[in-house]
Amino acid sequence: MTPEDLDQIGAIVAAAEQRIIERQDRAVEAITANMSDLRAEIHTRFDKVDVRFDVLERRTERIETHMLAIMLQTAGMSKSLTEAEPTDSSFAASLSAQQRAIDDLAARVAKLERSSPSSH
């Protein structure tokens, strides 16, 4: 090989290196731009997720308030039922005693009517 051939090969290699460097630079710039776009998209999505979490937090707080109110109402109803049970039991006993007294009186009246001479 002659020195001219070597110079020519060197020039070809240098030109190829320059093209490779330029392509690498463009690839790095494209990757950097893509990463920047991806970062912006991720940031936007996280902002949306934050908004949704805030909404869920408010809903959870409202549910907690409603559940507490229901628990208080249930406790009040339970207390009322507990307090009403003795009254209900005594009322049922009174009604039963009254029914027995009515049945006894009806039986006595029927017996008197059967034994009375004017009923024949």
C-alpha atoms as a PDB file:
ATOM      1  CA  MET A   1       0.000   0.000   0.000  1.00  0.00           C
ATOM      2  CA  THR A   2       1.120   3.392  -0.860  1.00  0.00           C
ATOM      3  CA  PRO A   3       1.045   6.395   1.414  1.00  0.00           C
ATOM      4  CA  GLU A   4      -1.706   7.825  -0.766  1.00  0.00           C
ATOM      5  CA  ASP A   5      -3.777   4.659  -0.258  1.00  0.00           C
ATOM      6  CA  LEU A   6      -3.261   4.926   3.478  1.00  0.00           C
ATOM      7  CA  ASP A   7      -4.254   8.590   3.394  1.00  0.00           C
ATOM      8  CA  GLN A   8      -7.346   7.692   1.417  1.00  0.00           C
ATOM      9  CA  ILE A   9      -8.266   4.896   3.871  1.00  0.00           C
ATOM     10  CA  GLY A  10      -7.646   7.298   6.755  1.00  0.00           C
ATOM     11  CA  ALA A  11      -9.941   9.871   5.154  1.00  0.00           C
ATOM     12  CA  ILE A  12     -12.644   7.239   4.600  1.00  0.00           C
ATOM     13  CA  VAL A  13     -12.331   6.041   8.197  1.00  0.00           C
ATOM     14  CA  ALA A  14     -12.386   9.633   9.511  1.00  0.00           C
ATOM     15  CA  ALA A  15     -15.495  10.412   7.438  1.00  0.00           C
ATOM     16  CA  ALA A  16     -17.150   7.233   8.704  1.00  0.00           C
ATOM     17  CA  GLU A  17     -16.236   8.145  12.276  1.00  0.00           C
ATOM     18  CA  GLN A  18     -17.701  11.602  11.783  1.00  0.00           C
ATOM     19  CA  ARG A  19     -20.953  10.138  10.436  1.00  0.00           C
ATOM     20  CA  ILE A  20     -21.113   7.704  13.369  1.00  0.00           C
ATOM     21  CA  ILE A  21     -20.509  10.537  15.836  1.00  0.00           C
ATOM     22  CA  GLU A  22     -23.195  12.653  14.186  1.00  0.00           C
ATOM     23  CA  ARG A  23     -25.656   9.751  14.275  1.00  0.00           C
ATOM     24  CA  GLN A  24     -24.820   9.070  17.928  1.00  0.00           C
ATOM     25  CA  ASP A  25     -25.337  12.750  18.743  1.00  0.00           C
ATOM     26  CA  ARG A  26     -28.750  12.719  17.030  1.00  0.00           C
ATOM     27  CA  ALA A  27     -29.657   9.478  18.823  1.00  0.00           C
ATOM     28  CA  VAL A  28     -28.626  10.959  22.189  1.00  0.00           C
ATOM     29  CA  GLU A  29     -30.642  14.109  21.459  1.00  0.00           C
ATOM     30  CA  ALA A  30     -33.682  12.002  20.485  1.00  0.00           C
ATOM     31  CA  ILE A  31     -33.354   9.832  23.595  1.00  0.00           C
ATOM     32  CA  THR A  32     -32.991  12.954  25.753  1.00  0.00           C
ATOM     33  CA  ALA A  33     -36.108  14.468  24.186  1.00  0.00           C
ATOM     34  CA  ASN A  34     -38.027  11.211  24.665  1.00  0.00           C
ATOM     35  CA  MET A  35     -36.921  11.035  28.304  1.00  0.00           C
ATOM     36  CA  SER A  36     -38.032  14.627  28.825  1.00  0.00           C
ATOM     37  CA  ASP A  37     -41.429  13.874  27.258  1.00  0.00           C
ATOM     38  CA  LEU A  38     -41.727  10.731  29.366  1.00  0.00           C
ATOM     39  CA  ARG A  39     -40.852  12.679  32.503  1.00  0.00           C
ATOM     40  CA  ALA A  40     -43.526  15.269  31.708  1.00  0.00           C
ATOM     41  CA  GLU A  41     -46.111  12.543  31.031  1.00  0.00           C
ATOM     42  CA  ILE A  42     -45.249  10.733  34.275  1.00  0.00           C
ATOM     43  CA  HIS A  43     -45.499  14.030  36.160  1.00  0.00           C
ATOM     44  CA  THR A  44     -48.944  14.690  34.635  1.00  0.00           C
ATOM     45  CA  ARG A  45     -50.135  11.211  35.504  1.00  0.00           C
ATOM     46  CA  PHE A  46     -48.917  11.508  39.086  1.00  0.00           C
ATOM     47  CA  ASP A  47     -50.758  14.827  39.367  1.00  0.00           C
ATOM     48  CA  LYS A  48     -53.945  13.100  38.204  1.00  0.00           C
ATOM     49  CA  VAL A  49     -53.382  10.255  40.679  1.00  0.00           C
ATOM     50  CA  ASP A  50     -52.887  12.818  43.458  1.00  0.00           C
ATOM     51  CA  VAL A  51     -56.215  14.432  42.559  1.00  0.00           C
ATOM     52  CA  ARG A  52     -57.935  11.037  42.628  1.00  0.00           C
ATOM     53  CA  PHE A  53     -56.380  10.214  45.999  1.00  0.00           C
ATOM     54  CA  ASP A  54     -57.623  13.546  47.354  1.00  0.00           C
ATOM     55  CA  VAL A  55     -61.142  12.725  46.142  1.00  0.00           C
ATOM     56  CA  LEU A  56     -60.953   9.265  47.705  1.00  0.00           C
ATOM     57  CA  GLU A  57     -59.710  10.751  50.972  1.00  0.00           C
ATOM     58  CA  ARG A  58     -62.671  13.149  51.121  1.00  0.00           C
ATOM     59  CA  ARG A  59     -65.100  10.342  50.317  1.00  0.00           C
ATOM     60  CA  THR A  60     -63.546   8.146  52.997  1.00  0.00           C
ATOM     61  CA  GLU A  61     -63.894  10.947  55.541  1.00  0.00           C
ATOM     62  CA  ARG A  62     -67.579  11.359  54.625  1.00  0.00           C
ATOM     63  CA  ILE A  63     -68.145   7.618  54.883  1.00  0.00           C
ATOM     64  CA  GLU A  64     -66.472   7.639  58.287  1.00  0.00           C
ATOM     65  CA  THR A  65     -68.793  10.453  59.426  1.00  0.00           C
ATOM     66  CA  HIS A  66     -71.851   8.594  58.132  1.00  0.00           C
ATOM     67  CA  MET A  67     -70.746   5.349  59.778  1.00  0.00           C
ATOM     68  CA  LEU A  68     -70.262   7.134  63.097  1.00  0.00           C
ATOM     69  CA  ALA A  69     -73.768   8.613  62.814  1.00  0.00           C
ATOM     70  CA  ILE A  70     -75.210   5.175  62.033  1.00  0.00           C
ATOM     71  CA  MET A  71     -73.364   3.674  64.986  1.00  0.00           C
ATOM     72  CA  LEU A  72     -74.762   6.358  67.295  1.00  0.00           C
ATOM     73  CA  GLN A  73     -78.283   5.810  65.951  1.00  0.00           C
ATOM     74  CA  THR A  74     -77.915   2.059  66.371  1.00  0.00           C
ATOM     75  CA  ALA A  75     -76.715   2.518  69.933  1.00  0.00           C
ATOM     76  CA  GLY A  76     -79.720   4.744  70.651  1.00  0.00           C
ATOM     77  CA  MET A  77     -82.137   2.237  69.137  1.00  0.00           C
ATOM     78  CA  SER A  78     -80.515  -0.594  71.061  1.00  0.00           C
ATOM     79  CA  LYS A  79     -80.849   1.375  74.313  1.00  0.00           C
ATOM     80  CA  SER A  80     -84.493   2.160  73.546  1.00  0.00           C
ATOM     81  CA  LEU A  81     -85.211  -1.491  72.831  1.00  0.00           C
ATOM     82  CA  THR A  82     -83.435  -2.567  75.999  1.00  0.00           C
ATOM     83  CA  GLU A  83     -85.418  -0.062  78.043  1.00  0.00           C
ATOM     84  CA  ALA A  84     -88.690  -1.045  76.325  1.00  0.00           C
ATOM     85  CA  GLU A  85     -88.336  -4.786  77.000  1.00  0.00           C
ATOM     86  CA  PRO A  86     -89.397  -4.650  80.683  1.00  0.00           C
ATOM     87  CA  THR A  87     -92.328  -2.379  79.773  1.00  0.00           C
ATOM     88  CA  ASP A  88     -93.330  -4.743  76.984  1.00  0.00           C
ATOM     89  CA  SER A  89     -93.073  -7.739  79.302  1.00  0.00           C
ATOM     90  CA  SER A  90     -95.176  -6.094  82.016  1.00  0.00           C
ATOM     91  CA  PHE A  91     -97.715  -4.943  79.398  1.00  0.00           C
ATOM     92  CA  ALA A  92     -97.961  -8.494  78.047  1.00  0.00           C
ATOM     93  CA  ALA A  93     -98.402  -9.837  81.588  1.00  0.00           C
ATOM     94  CA  SER A  94    -101.154  -7.276  82.290  1.00  0.00           C
ATOM     95  CA  LEU A  95    -102.956  -8.150  79.062  1.00  0.00           C
ATOM     96  CA  SER A  96    -102.716 -11.835  79.888  1.00  0.00           C
ATOM     97  CA  ALA A  97    -104.103 -11.250  83.388  1.00  0.00           C
ATOM     98  CA  GLN A  98    -106.930  -9.126  81.969  1.00  0.00           C
ATOM     99  CA  GLN A  99    -107.758 -11.823  79.421  1.00  0.00           C
ATOM    100  CA  ARG A 100    -107.861 -14.462  82.177  1.00  0.00           C
ATOM    101  CA  ALA A 101    -110.153 -12.221  84.255  1.00  0.00           C
ATOM    102  CA  ILE A 102    -112.451 -11.658  81.256  1.00  0.00           C
ATOM    103  CA  ASP A 103    -112.485 -15.396  80.503  1.00  0.00           C
ATOM    104  CA  ASP A 104    -113.273 -16.149  84.170  1.00  0.00           C
ATOM    105  CA  LEU A 105    -116.092 -13.581  84.205  1.00  0.00           C
ATOM    106  CA  ALA A 106    -117.478 -14.941  80.928  1.00  0.00           C
ATOM    107  CA  ALA A 107    -117.428 -18.458  82.379  1.00  0.00           C
ATOM    108  CA  ARG A 108    -119.184 -17.278  85.561  1.00  0.00           C
ATOM    109  CA  VAL A 109    -121.839 -15.408  83.531  1.00  0.00           C
ATOM    110  CA  ALA A 110    -122.433 -18.475  81.380  1.00  0.00           C
ATOM    111  CA  LYS A 111    -122.717 -20.662  84.483  1.00  0.00           C
ATOM    112  CA  LEU A 112    -125.183 -18.226  86.071  1.00  0.00           C
ATOM    113  CA  GLU A 113    -127.254 -18.116  82.905  1.00  0.00           C
ATOM    114  CA  ARG A 114    -127.433 -21.909  82.780  1.00  0.00           C
ATOM    115  CA  SER A 115    -128.406 -22.191  86.429  1.00  0.00           C
ATOM    116  CA  SER A 116    -130.937 -19.345  86.368  1.00  0.00           C
ATOM    117  CA  PRO A 117    -134.585 -20.543  86.104  1.00  0.00           C
ATOM    118  CA  SER A 118    -135.651 -17.528  84.055  1.00  0.00           C
ATOM    119  CA  SER A 119    -133.306 -18.359  81.188  1.00  0.00           C
ATOM    120  CA  HIS A 120    -135.275 -21.549  80.335  1.00  0.00           C
END
